[in-house]
Amino acid sequence: MYNVISCGAINWDINLFVSHLPKEGEEVRVLRIERVPGGTAANVIVAAARYLGPGKTAIIGAVGDDEIGRKQIEILKKEGVSTEYVLIINGVESGQAYILIDKDGANVINTFFGANTYLSTKYIASISKVFRESKVKVVMDPPLDVAIKILELGYGFGINIWDPGVYIEYGIKALAKGLRYTDILILNHIEVKELFGTLQLTSLVNRLRELECSKLLIKYGSKGSQLINIDENTIVNMSTLPLDKISLKVVNTVGCGDAFIGVFGAALSEDKSLIDAMLLATIAAGYKASRRETRGSPSRDVLIGLHNRCKEYINIQIKNI
């Protein structure tokens, strides 16, 4: 039915640009405010849609019956994303995120999930067909029971990608069932340390095998990414896109990880290899960092052009576990 579906947060971002992030108790002047569409699942699916084109992506989520919710649906449709599985919740505010961004693009995010929390396993079961018929399922941060239900329904039908986000705080026992139905787990390095208690490679490999999780993709921000592939007994280390070599600079890193995941999933839906998908995702994330807007991922033409110009600048190392 779709190349990529994404499930999770649809938020309205209030970006507060400051000279530096405040210390405890410090008041910092806001230099500029921007109000833009965001939310991890929405950002991911927009990145995928810009790469794949209209009619090949869909989002599963919930918004309030308010101005923000109506605007979100309109924007997603204009991006070519199907919103047929977006619930509209009466009497509840749409999700919103308040984001501090400093002069170097570093950020702190505070999120009000609002209507996002109203997705239920009952609703997910009622649309189970879409999980069997879509090539790539990207599960971001819906309620944990919903995430696990989607992974279970979609397992064995295409590729399941899971980025648990805030639910890392629940611990490994709470996430273990979902991990068994996950083809590719995506975390940043801080989340890996929190969830597994280590970044030491041998320990991570052993834990992944115990949990029957075959692939872990770790985002290291400005230091690149790493794929631990248990199935092939390999590790792939990939550097970031060096923006200075293409006359760009970091402006805002909010949404870079979402751009990475969206393009990664989209590329896999076209049967690209894991390494080729990582490379395209790396370039998309780097490009997004040079844009102020949260959804600053590139179009397909821009991304392919950057790929042809910049792939030689990205260092890829592959070694056996």
C-alpha atoms as a PDB file:
ATOM      1  CA  MET A   1       0.000   0.000   0.000  1.00  0.00           C
ATOM      2  CA  TYR A   2       2.777   2.436   0.968  1.00  0.00           C
ATOM      3  CA  ASN A   3       6.547   2.474   0.753  1.00  0.00           C
ATOM      4  CA  VAL A   4       6.852   3.990   4.234  1.00  0.00           C
ATOM      5  CA  ILE A   5       4.451   4.563   7.101  1.00  0.00           C
ATOM      6  CA  SER A   6       5.399   6.407  10.266  1.00  0.00           C
ATOM      7  CA  CYS A   7       3.676   6.377  13.641  1.00  0.00           C
ATOM      8  CA  GLY A   8       4.100   8.785  16.547  1.00  0.00           C
ATOM      9  CA  ALA A   9       4.150  12.462  17.418  1.00  0.00           C
ATOM     10  CA  ILE A  10       2.641  15.236  15.327  1.00  0.00           C
ATOM     11  CA  ASN A  11       3.613  18.447  17.135  1.00  0.00           C
ATOM     12  CA  TRP A  12       3.680  22.171  16.579  1.00  0.00           C
ATOM     13  CA  ASP A  13       7.195  23.475  17.341  1.00  0.00           C
ATOM     14  CA  ILE A  14       7.832  26.820  18.987  1.00  0.00           C
ATOM     15  CA  ASN A  15      11.539  27.405  18.302  1.00  0.00           C
ATOM     16  CA  LEU A  16      13.207  29.920  20.614  1.00  0.00           C
ATOM     17  CA  PHE A  17      16.597  31.027  19.265  1.00  0.00           C
ATOM     18  CA  VAL A  18      19.040  32.174  21.975  1.00  0.00           C
ATOM     19  CA  SER A  19      22.733  33.047  22.179  1.00  0.00           C
ATOM     20  CA  HIS A  20      23.356  30.183  24.606  1.00  0.00           C
ATOM     21  CA  LEU A  21      21.398  27.573  26.533  1.00  0.00           C
ATOM     22  CA  PRO A  22      20.591  28.767  30.076  1.00  0.00           C
ATOM     23  CA  LYS A  23      22.150  27.368  33.202  1.00  0.00           C
ATOM     24  CA  GLU A  24      19.900  26.492  36.139  1.00  0.00           C
ATOM     25  CA  GLY A  25      18.129  29.629  37.318  1.00  0.00           C
ATOM     26  CA  GLU A  26      19.502  31.793  34.489  1.00  0.00           C
ATOM     27  CA  GLU A  27      17.253  34.001  32.352  1.00  0.00           C
ATOM     28  CA  VAL A  28      18.280  34.199  28.709  1.00  0.00           C
ATOM     29  CA  ARG A  29      17.003  36.673  26.123  1.00  0.00           C
ATOM     30  CA  VAL A  30      15.129  35.122  23.205  1.00  0.00           C
ATOM     31  CA  LEU A  31      16.495  36.559  19.965  1.00  0.00           C
ATOM     32  CA  ARG A  32      13.899  35.140  17.589  1.00  0.00           C
ATOM     33  CA  ILE A  33      10.784  32.949  17.702  1.00  0.00           C
ATOM     34  CA  GLU A  34       9.666  30.640  14.901  1.00  0.00           C
ATOM     35  CA  ARG A  35       6.502  28.539  14.964  1.00  0.00           C
ATOM     36  CA  VAL A  36       6.724  25.569  12.591  1.00  0.00           C
ATOM     37  CA  PRO A  37       5.251  22.073  12.139  1.00  0.00           C
ATOM     38  CA  GLY A  38       7.189  19.287  13.836  1.00  0.00           C
ATOM     39  CA  GLY A  39       6.843  16.069  15.816  1.00  0.00           C
ATOM     40  CA  THR A  40       9.166  13.127  15.284  1.00  0.00           C
ATOM     41  CA  ALA A  41       6.832  10.903  13.263  1.00  0.00           C
ATOM     42  CA  ALA A  42       5.636  13.820  11.139  1.00  0.00           C
ATOM     43  CA  ASN A  43       9.192  14.993  10.489  1.00  0.00           C
ATOM     44  CA  VAL A  44      10.228  11.460   9.535  1.00  0.00           C
ATOM     45  CA  ILE A  45       7.394  10.947   7.078  1.00  0.00           C
ATOM     46  CA  VAL A  46       7.881  14.359   5.453  1.00  0.00           C
ATOM     47  CA  ALA A  47      11.558  13.530   4.892  1.00  0.00           C
ATOM     48  CA  ALA A  48      10.526  10.206   3.359  1.00  0.00           C
ATOM     49  CA  ALA A  49       7.847  11.852   1.193  1.00  0.00           C
ATOM     50  CA  ARG A  50      10.246  14.463  -0.163  1.00  0.00           C
ATOM     51  CA  TYR A  51      12.529  11.658  -1.279  1.00  0.00           C
ATOM     52  CA  LEU A  52       9.878   9.219  -2.562  1.00  0.00           C
ATOM     53  CA  GLY A  53       7.310  11.651  -3.967  1.00  0.00           C
ATOM     54  CA  PRO A  54       3.545  11.965  -3.316  1.00  0.00           C
ATOM     55  CA  GLY A  55       1.281   9.002  -2.643  1.00  0.00           C
ATOM     56  CA  LYS A  56       3.958   6.667  -1.261  1.00  0.00           C
ATOM     57  CA  THR A  57       3.865   7.532   2.431  1.00  0.00           C
ATOM     58  CA  ALA A  58       1.333   7.705   5.263  1.00  0.00           C
ATOM     59  CA  ILE A  59       1.310   8.789   8.890  1.00  0.00           C
ATOM     60  CA  ILE A  60      -0.480   7.264  11.861  1.00  0.00           C
ATOM     61  CA  GLY A  61      -1.046   9.676  14.718  1.00  0.00           C
ATOM     62  CA  ALA A  62      -3.492  11.955  16.486  1.00  0.00           C
ATOM     63  CA  VAL A  63      -4.151  15.696  16.625  1.00  0.00           C
ATOM     64  CA  GLY A  64      -6.639  17.810  18.518  1.00  0.00           C
ATOM     65  CA  ASP A  65      -9.772  19.311  17.028  1.00  0.00           C
ATOM     66  CA  ASP A  66      -8.108  22.708  17.038  1.00  0.00           C
ATOM     67  CA  GLU A  67      -6.449  25.157  14.676  1.00  0.00           C
ATOM     68  CA  ILE A  68      -3.059  23.491  15.084  1.00  0.00           C
ATOM     69  CA  GLY A  69      -4.474  20.063  14.263  1.00  0.00           C
ATOM     70  CA  ARG A  70      -6.247  21.270  11.144  1.00  0.00           C
ATOM     71  CA  LYS A  71      -3.122  23.094  10.000  1.00  0.00           C
ATOM     72  CA  GLN A  72      -0.963  20.012  10.577  1.00  0.00           C
ATOM     73  CA  ILE A  73      -3.184  17.827   8.401  1.00  0.00           C
ATOM     74  CA  GLU A  74      -3.231  20.423   5.632  1.00  0.00           C
ATOM     75  CA  ILE A  75       0.566  20.735   5.658  1.00  0.00           C
ATOM     76  CA  LEU A  76       1.127  16.970   5.611  1.00  0.00           C
ATOM     77  CA  LYS A  77      -1.223  16.579   2.646  1.00  0.00           C
ATOM     78  CA  LYS A  78       0.675  19.292   0.749  1.00  0.00           C
ATOM     79  CA  GLU A  79       3.857  17.303   1.351  1.00  0.00           C
ATOM     80  CA  GLY A  80       2.258  14.314  -0.370  1.00  0.00           C
ATOM     81  CA  VAL A  81       1.659  12.337   2.851  1.00  0.00           C
ATOM     82  CA  SER A  82      -1.596  10.412   3.335  1.00  0.00           C
ATOM     83  CA  THR A  83      -3.380  11.459   6.551  1.00  0.00           C
ATOM     84  CA  GLU A  84      -6.195   8.905   6.363  1.00  0.00           C
ATOM     85  CA  TYR A  85      -4.954   7.263   9.585  1.00  0.00           C
ATOM     86  CA  VAL A  86      -4.674  10.479  11.630  1.00  0.00           C
ATOM     87  CA  LEU A  87      -7.229  10.624  14.448  1.00  0.00           C
ATOM     88  CA  ILE A  88      -8.825  13.937  15.426  1.00  0.00           C
ATOM     89  CA  ILE A  89      -9.451  14.021  19.180  1.00  0.00           C
ATOM     90  CA  ASN A  90     -12.225  16.325  20.407  1.00  0.00           C
ATOM     91  CA  GLY A  91     -11.584  18.460  23.476  1.00  0.00           C
ATOM     92  CA  VAL A  92      -7.833  17.842  23.525  1.00  0.00           C
ATOM     93  CA  GLU A  93      -5.014  20.128  22.414  1.00  0.00           C
ATOM     94  CA  SER A  94      -2.678  19.073  19.625  1.00  0.00           C
ATOM     95  CA  GLY A  95       0.893  18.257  20.630  1.00  0.00           C
ATOM     96  CA  GLN A  96       3.362  21.110  20.989  1.00  0.00           C
ATOM     97  CA  ALA A  97       7.105  21.351  21.585  1.00  0.00           C
ATOM     98  CA  TYR A  98       9.028  24.284  23.044  1.00  0.00           C
ATOM     99  CA  ILE A  99      12.613  24.206  21.795  1.00  0.00           C
ATOM    100  CA  LEU A 100      15.588  26.328  22.852  1.00  0.00           C
ATOM    101  CA  ILE A 101      18.242  26.577  20.126  1.00  0.00           C
ATOM    102  CA  ASP A 102      21.619  28.247  20.679  1.00  0.00           C
ATOM    103  CA  LYS A 103      23.933  29.970  18.175  1.00  0.00           C
ATOM    104  CA  ASP A 104      25.707  26.682  17.396  1.00  0.00           C
ATOM    105  CA  GLY A 105      22.488  24.784  16.708  1.00  0.00           C
ATOM    106  CA  ALA A 106      22.468  22.848  20.003  1.00  0.00           C
ATOM    107  CA  ASN A 107      19.029  22.467  21.550  1.00  0.00           C
ATOM    108  CA  VAL A 108      16.862  21.562  24.528  1.00  0.00           C
ATOM    109  CA  ILE A 109      13.314  20.289  23.877  1.00  0.00           C
ATOM    110  CA  ASN A 110      10.264  20.336  26.163  1.00  0.00           C
ATOM    111  CA  THR A 111       7.235  18.517  24.740  1.00  0.00           C
ATOM    112  CA  PHE A 112       3.521  18.581  25.543  1.00  0.00           C
ATOM    113  CA  PHE A 113       2.223  15.419  23.850  1.00  0.00           C
ATOM    114  CA  GLY A 114      -1.478  16.282  24.096  1.00  0.00           C
ATOM    115  CA  ALA A 115      -3.547  14.413  21.507  1.00  0.00           C
ATOM    116  CA  ASN A 116      -0.563  12.204  20.609  1.00  0.00           C
ATOM    117  CA  THR A 117      -1.238  10.100  23.715  1.00  0.00           C
ATOM    118  CA  TYR A 118      -4.740   9.160  22.531  1.00  0.00           C
ATOM    119  CA  LEU A 119      -3.638   6.511  20.040  1.00  0.00           C
ATOM    120  CA  SER A 120      -4.794   3.079  21.261  1.00  0.00           C
ATOM    121  CA  THR A 121      -4.021  -0.562  20.511  1.00  0.00           C
ATOM    122  CA  LYS A 122      -7.706  -1.018  19.635  1.00  0.00           C
ATOM    123  CA  TYR A 123      -7.386   1.563  16.863  1.00  0.00           C
ATOM    124  CA  ILE A 124      -4.117   0.025  15.670  1.00  0.00           C
ATOM    125  CA  ALA A 125      -5.747  -3.412  15.464  1.00  0.00           C
ATOM    126  CA  SER A 126      -8.565  -1.925  13.375  1.00  0.00           C
ATOM    127  CA  ILE A 127      -6.088  -0.788  10.694  1.00  0.00           C
ATOM    128  CA  SER A 128      -3.817  -3.855  10.858  1.00  0.00           C
ATOM    129  CA  LYS A 129      -3.918  -4.319   7.078  1.00  0.00           C
ATOM    130  CA  VAL A 130      -1.698  -1.270   6.489  1.00  0.00           C
ATOM    131  CA  PHE A 131       1.107  -2.818   8.553  1.00  0.00           C
ATOM    132  CA  ARG A 132       1.092  -5.981   6.457  1.00  0.00           C
ATOM    133  CA  GLU A 133       1.024  -4.178   3.129  1.00  0.00           C
ATOM    134  CA  SER A 134       3.565  -1.379   3.675  1.00  0.00           C
ATOM    135  CA  LYS A 135       7.236  -1.982   2.897  1.00  0.00           C
ATOM    136  CA  VAL A 136       8.785  -0.061   5.802  1.00  0.00           C
ATOM    137  CA  LYS A 137       7.157   0.711   9.145  1.00  0.00           C
ATOM    138  CA  VAL A 138       8.867   3.447  11.165  1.00  0.00           C
ATOM    139  CA  VAL A 139       7.659   3.471  14.756  1.00  0.00           C
ATOM    140  CA  MET A 140       8.730   6.575  16.626  1.00  0.00           C
ATOM    141  CA  ASP A 141       7.103   7.642  19.902  1.00  0.00           C
ATOM    142  CA  PRO A 142       3.437   6.607  20.135  1.00  0.00           C
ATOM    143  CA  PRO A 143       2.371   5.201  23.531  1.00  0.00           C
ATOM    144  CA  LEU A 144       4.544   2.172  24.289  1.00  0.00           C
ATOM    145  CA  ASP A 145       1.766  -0.415  24.043  1.00  0.00           C
ATOM    146  CA  VAL A 146       0.812   1.035  20.656  1.00  0.00           C
ATOM    147  CA  ALA A 147       4.406   0.872  19.442  1.00  0.00           C
ATOM    148  CA  ILE A 148       4.718  -2.782  20.427  1.00  0.00           C
ATOM    149  CA  LYS A 149       1.386  -3.635  18.797  1.00  0.00           C
ATOM    150  CA  ILE A 150       2.456  -2.061  15.486  1.00  0.00           C
ATOM    151  CA  LEU A 151       5.782  -3.881  15.547  1.00  0.00           C
ATOM    152  CA  GLU A 152       4.016  -7.167  16.261  1.00  0.00           C
ATOM    153  CA  LEU A 153       1.469  -6.697  13.461  1.00  0.00           C
ATOM    154  CA  GLY A 154       4.096  -5.621  10.936  1.00  0.00           C
ATOM    155  CA  TYR A 155       6.763  -8.181  11.792  1.00  0.00           C
ATOM    156  CA  GLY A 156       7.617 -10.396   8.827  1.00  0.00           C
ATOM    157  CA  PHE A 157       5.933  -8.008   6.394  1.00  0.00           C
ATOM    158  CA  GLY A 158       8.683  -5.712   5.135  1.00  0.00           C
ATOM    159  CA  ILE A 159      10.986  -3.864   7.568  1.00  0.00           C
ATOM    160  CA  ASN A 160      10.215  -2.695  11.097  1.00  0.00           C
ATOM    161  CA  ILE A 161      12.256   0.298  12.313  1.00  0.00           C
ATOM    162  CA  TRP A 162      11.866   1.465  15.919  1.00  0.00           C
ATOM    163  CA  ASP A 163      13.155   4.612  17.607  1.00  0.00           C
ATOM    164  CA  PRO A 164      11.618   4.475  21.128  1.00  0.00           C
ATOM    165  CA  GLY A 165      12.635   8.049  22.008  1.00  0.00           C
ATOM    166  CA  VAL A 166      11.234   9.126  25.380  1.00  0.00           C
ATOM    167  CA  TYR A 167      10.204   5.557  26.243  1.00  0.00           C
ATOM    168  CA  ILE A 168      13.838   4.641  26.836  1.00  0.00           C
ATOM    169  CA  GLU A 169      13.209   5.796  30.405  1.00  0.00           C
ATOM    170  CA  TYR A 170      10.935   2.772  30.932  1.00  0.00           C
ATOM    171  CA  GLY A 171      13.957   0.468  30.770  1.00  0.00           C
ATOM    172  CA  ILE A 172      14.958  -2.602  28.831  1.00  0.00           C
ATOM    173  CA  LYS A 173      12.386  -4.936  30.413  1.00  0.00           C
ATOM    174  CA  ALA A 174       9.513  -2.753  29.234  1.00  0.00           C
ATOM    175  CA  LEU A 175      10.925  -2.535  25.699  1.00  0.00           C
ATOM    176  CA  ALA A 176      12.067  -6.159  25.354  1.00  0.00           C
ATOM    177  CA  LYS A 177       8.898  -7.499  23.718  1.00  0.00           C
ATOM    178  CA  GLY A 178       8.990  -4.801  21.058  1.00  0.00           C
ATOM    179  CA  LEU A 179      12.662  -5.445  20.353  1.00  0.00           C
ATOM    180  CA  ARG A 180      11.867  -9.022  19.352  1.00  0.00           C
ATOM    181  CA  TYR A 181       9.682  -7.640  16.561  1.00  0.00           C
ATOM    182  CA  THR A 182      12.173  -4.959  15.493  1.00  0.00           C
ATOM    183  CA  ASP A 183      14.358  -5.359  12.420  1.00  0.00           C
ATOM    184  CA  ILE A 184      16.360  -2.163  13.016  1.00  0.00           C
ATOM    185  CA  LEU A 185      16.532  -0.390  16.367  1.00  0.00           C
ATOM    186  CA  ILE A 186      17.624   3.262  16.149  1.00  0.00           C
ATOM    187  CA  LEU A 187      18.952   5.174  19.172  1.00  0.00           C
ATOM    188  CA  ASN A 188      21.328   8.033  19.811  1.00  0.00           C
ATOM    189  CA  HIS A 189      24.464   7.300  21.822  1.00  0.00           C
ATOM    190  CA  ILE A 190      23.021   8.779  25.032  1.00  0.00           C
ATOM    191  CA  GLU A 191      19.957   6.538  24.769  1.00  0.00           C
ATOM    192  CA  VAL A 192      22.154   3.486  24.130  1.00  0.00           C
ATOM    193  CA  LYS A 193      24.094   4.170  27.324  1.00  0.00           C
ATOM    194  CA  GLU A 194      20.872   4.683  29.288  1.00  0.00           C
ATOM    195  CA  LEU A 195      19.128   1.592  27.916  1.00  0.00           C
ATOM    196  CA  PHE A 196      22.010  -0.894  27.860  1.00  0.00           C
ATOM    197  CA  GLY A 197      24.287   0.669  30.458  1.00  0.00           C
ATOM    198  CA  THR A 198      27.252   0.673  28.095  1.00  0.00           C
ATOM    199  CA  LEU A 199      28.642   1.739  24.735  1.00  0.00           C
ATOM    200  CA  GLN A 200      31.291  -0.993  24.853  1.00  0.00           C
ATOM    201  CA  LEU A 201      30.961  -2.952  21.630  1.00  0.00           C
ATOM    202  CA  THR A 202      31.283  -6.527  22.882  1.00  0.00           C
ATOM    203  CA  SER A 203      28.767  -5.922  25.662  1.00  0.00           C
ATOM    204  CA  LEU A 204      26.311  -4.333  23.214  1.00  0.00           C
ATOM    205  CA  VAL A 205      26.596  -7.232  20.789  1.00  0.00           C
ATOM    206  CA  ASN A 206      25.934  -9.740  23.577  1.00  0.00           C
ATOM    207  CA  ARG A 207      22.898  -7.810  24.819  1.00  0.00           C
ATOM    208  CA  LEU A 208      21.447  -7.506  21.318  1.00  0.00           C
ATOM    209  CA  ARG A 209      21.787 -11.256  20.822  1.00  0.00           C
ATOM    210  CA  GLU A 210      20.081 -11.931  24.153  1.00  0.00           C
ATOM    211  CA  LEU A 211      17.201  -9.640  23.159  1.00  0.00           C
ATOM    212  CA  GLU A 212      16.916 -11.130  19.639  1.00  0.00           C
ATOM    213  CA  CYS A 213      17.473  -7.681  18.146  1.00  0.00           C
ATOM    214  CA  SER A 214      19.460  -8.135  14.957  1.00  0.00           C
ATOM    215  CA  LYS A 215      20.457  -4.554  14.072  1.00  0.00           C
ATOM    216  CA  LEU A 216      21.225  -1.447  16.110  1.00  0.00           C
ATOM    217  CA  LEU A 217      21.834   1.877  14.376  1.00  0.00           C
ATOM    218  CA  ILE A 218      23.440   4.416  16.716  1.00  0.00           C
ATOM    219  CA  LYS A 219      23.343   8.154  15.997  1.00  0.00           C
ATOM    220  CA  TYR A 220      26.389  10.014  17.305  1.00  0.00           C
ATOM    221  CA  GLY A 221      25.357  13.492  16.159  1.00  0.00           C
ATOM    222  CA  SER A 222      28.333  15.404  14.784  1.00  0.00           C
ATOM    223  CA  LYS A 223      30.477  12.252  15.096  1.00  0.00           C
ATOM    224  CA  GLY A 224      28.423  10.244  12.614  1.00  0.00           C
ATOM    225  CA  SER A 225      26.615   6.930  12.967  1.00  0.00           C
ATOM    226  CA  GLN A 226      27.301   3.262  13.592  1.00  0.00           C
ATOM    227  CA  LEU A 227      25.401   0.161  12.490  1.00  0.00           C
ATOM    228  CA  ILE A 228      25.834  -3.042  14.483  1.00  0.00           C
ATOM    229  CA  ASN A 229      24.586  -5.831  12.236  1.00  0.00           C
ATOM    230  CA  ILE A 230      24.274  -9.078  14.168  1.00  0.00           C
ATOM    231  CA  ASP A 231      22.950 -10.979  11.137  1.00  0.00           C
ATOM    232  CA  GLU A 232      26.083 -10.265   9.107  1.00  0.00           C
ATOM    233  CA  ASN A 233      28.524  -9.980  12.046  1.00  0.00           C
ATOM    234  CA  THR A 234      29.656  -6.565  10.855  1.00  0.00           C
ATOM    235  CA  ILE A 235      29.957  -3.025  12.133  1.00  0.00           C
ATOM    236  CA  VAL A 236      29.626  -0.020   9.848  1.00  0.00           C
ATOM    237  CA  ASN A 237      31.017   3.328  10.999  1.00  0.00           C
ATOM    238  CA  MET A 238      30.043   6.382   8.948  1.00  0.00           C
ATOM    239  CA  SER A 239      31.151   9.994   9.363  1.00  0.00           C
ATOM    240  CA  THR A 240      28.885  13.010   8.931  1.00  0.00           C
ATOM    241  CA  LEU A 241      28.576  15.277   5.908  1.00  0.00           C
ATOM    242  CA  PRO A 242      31.293  17.971   6.186  1.00  0.00           C
ATOM    243  CA  LEU A 243      29.201  21.073   5.540  1.00  0.00           C
ATOM    244  CA  ASP A 244      32.222  23.344   5.188  1.00  0.00           C
ATOM    245  CA  LYS A 245      33.266  21.497   2.035  1.00  0.00           C
ATOM    246  CA  ILE A 246      30.000  22.504   0.339  1.00  0.00           C
ATOM    247  CA  SER A 247      29.891  26.052   1.729  1.00  0.00           C
ATOM    248  CA  LEU A 248      27.169  25.377   4.307  1.00  0.00           C
ATOM    249  CA  LYS A 249      27.148  25.784   8.085  1.00  0.00           C
ATOM    250  CA  VAL A 250      25.190  24.408  11.030  1.00  0.00           C
ATOM    251  CA  VAL A 251      22.153  26.547  11.867  1.00  0.00           C
ATOM    252  CA  ASN A 252      19.722  24.234  13.695  1.00  0.00           C
ATOM    253  CA  THR A 253      20.198  20.555  14.553  1.00  0.00           C
ATOM    254  CA  VAL A 254      16.565  20.026  15.633  1.00  0.00           C
ATOM    255  CA  GLY A 255      15.081  17.445  13.268  1.00  0.00           C
ATOM    256  CA  CYS A 256      18.385  16.113  11.894  1.00  0.00           C
ATOM    257  CA  GLY A 257      17.774  12.696  13.394  1.00  0.00           C
ATOM    258  CA  ASP A 258      14.258  12.636  11.951  1.00  0.00           C
ATOM    259  CA  ALA A 259      15.552  13.548   8.484  1.00  0.00           C
ATOM    260  CA  PHE A 260      18.105  10.742   8.837  1.00  0.00           C
ATOM    261  CA  ILE A 261      15.472   8.150   9.772  1.00  0.00           C
ATOM    262  CA  GLY A 262      12.978   9.279   7.125  1.00  0.00           C
ATOM    263  CA  VAL A 263      15.441   9.059   4.257  1.00  0.00           C
ATOM    264  CA  PHE A 264      16.966   5.854   5.657  1.00  0.00           C
ATOM    265  CA  GLY A 265      13.557   4.162   5.668  1.00  0.00           C
ATOM    266  CA  ALA A 266      12.629   5.559   2.263  1.00  0.00           C
ATOM    267  CA  ALA A 267      15.850   4.299   0.700  1.00  0.00           C
ATOM    268  CA  LEU A 268      15.326   0.834   2.194  1.00  0.00           C
ATOM    269  CA  SER A 269      11.801   0.811   0.726  1.00  0.00           C
ATOM    270  CA  GLU A 270      13.452   1.116  -2.696  1.00  0.00           C
ATOM    271  CA  ASP A 271      15.567  -1.954  -1.879  1.00  0.00           C
ATOM    272  CA  LYS A 272      18.792  -0.030  -1.404  1.00  0.00           C
ATOM    273  CA  SER A 273      21.449  -1.669   0.769  1.00  0.00           C
ATOM    274  CA  LEU A 274      21.836  -0.715   4.416  1.00  0.00           C
ATOM    275  CA  ILE A 275      25.066   1.143   3.670  1.00  0.00           C
ATOM    276  CA  ASP A 276      23.609   3.041   0.720  1.00  0.00           C
ATOM    277  CA  ALA A 277      20.566   3.943   2.816  1.00  0.00           C
ATOM    278  CA  MET A 278      22.825   5.156   5.647  1.00  0.00           C
ATOM    279  CA  LEU A 279      24.823   7.264   3.200  1.00  0.00           C
ATOM    280  CA  LEU A 280      21.737   9.002   1.796  1.00  0.00           C
ATOM    281  CA  ALA A 281      20.403   9.478   5.330  1.00  0.00           C
ATOM    282  CA  THR A 282      23.701  10.996   6.463  1.00  0.00           C
ATOM    283  CA  ILE A 283      23.655  13.511   3.629  1.00  0.00           C
ATOM    284  CA  ALA A 284      20.002  14.395   4.309  1.00  0.00           C
ATOM    285  CA  ALA A 285      20.709  14.968   8.015  1.00  0.00           C
ATOM    286  CA  GLY A 286      23.733  17.133   7.223  1.00  0.00           C
ATOM    287  CA  TYR A 287      21.749  19.241   4.791  1.00  0.00           C
ATOM    288  CA  LYS A 288      18.929  19.646   7.327  1.00  0.00           C
ATOM    289  CA  ALA A 289      21.416  21.011   9.902  1.00  0.00           C
ATOM    290  CA  SER A 290      22.023  23.953   7.566  1.00  0.00           C
ATOM    291  CA  ARG A 291      18.314  24.898   7.611  1.00  0.00           C
ATOM    292  CA  ARG A 292      16.465  26.793  10.358  1.00  0.00           C
ATOM    293  CA  GLU A 293      13.182  24.925   9.945  1.00  0.00           C
ATOM    294  CA  THR A 294      12.630  21.627  11.791  1.00  0.00           C
ATOM    295  CA  ARG A 295      11.508  19.938   8.573  1.00  0.00           C
ATOM    296  CA  GLY A 296      14.498  21.054   6.577  1.00  0.00           C
ATOM    297  CA  SER A 297      15.098  17.749   4.809  1.00  0.00           C
ATOM    298  CA  PRO A 298      15.955  17.958   1.102  1.00  0.00           C
ATOM    299  CA  SER A 299      13.899  17.046  -1.947  1.00  0.00           C
ATOM    300  CA  ARG A 300      14.931  13.959  -3.915  1.00  0.00           C
ATOM    301  CA  ASP A 301      16.658  16.021  -6.607  1.00  0.00           C
ATOM    302  CA  VAL A 302      18.635  18.050  -4.066  1.00  0.00           C
ATOM    303  CA  LEU A 303      19.598  14.914  -2.144  1.00  0.00           C
ATOM    304  CA  ILE A 304      20.771  13.030  -5.231  1.00  0.00           C
ATOM    305  CA  GLY A 305      22.743  16.081  -6.331  1.00  0.00           C
ATOM    306  CA  LEU A 306      24.424  16.289  -2.932  1.00  0.00           C
ATOM    307  CA  HIS A 307      25.092  12.557  -3.003  1.00  0.00           C
ATOM    308  CA  ASN A 308      26.900  12.838  -6.311  1.00  0.00           C
ATOM    309  CA  ARG A 309      28.949  15.805  -5.056  1.00  0.00           C
ATOM    310  CA  CYS A 310      29.673  14.747  -1.499  1.00  0.00           C
ATOM    311  CA  LYS A 311      29.789  10.964  -1.114  1.00  0.00           C
ATOM    312  CA  GLU A 312      33.590  11.017  -1.413  1.00  0.00           C
ATOM    313  CA  TYR A 313      33.769  13.283   1.664  1.00  0.00           C
ATOM    314  CA  ILE A 314      32.023  10.747   3.910  1.00  0.00           C
ATOM    315  CA  ASN A 315      34.248   8.140   5.506  1.00  0.00           C
ATOM    316  CA  ILE A 316      32.809   4.590   5.674  1.00  0.00           C
ATOM    317  CA  GLN A 317      34.527   1.827   7.615  1.00  0.00           C
ATOM    318  CA  ILE A 318      33.293  -1.755   7.709  1.00  0.00           C
ATOM    319  CA  LYS A 319      34.733  -4.376  10.029  1.00  0.00           C
ATOM    320  CA  ASN A 320      33.789  -7.747  11.453  1.00  0.00           C
ATOM    321  CA  ILE A 321      32.407  -8.077  14.957  1.00  0.00           C
END
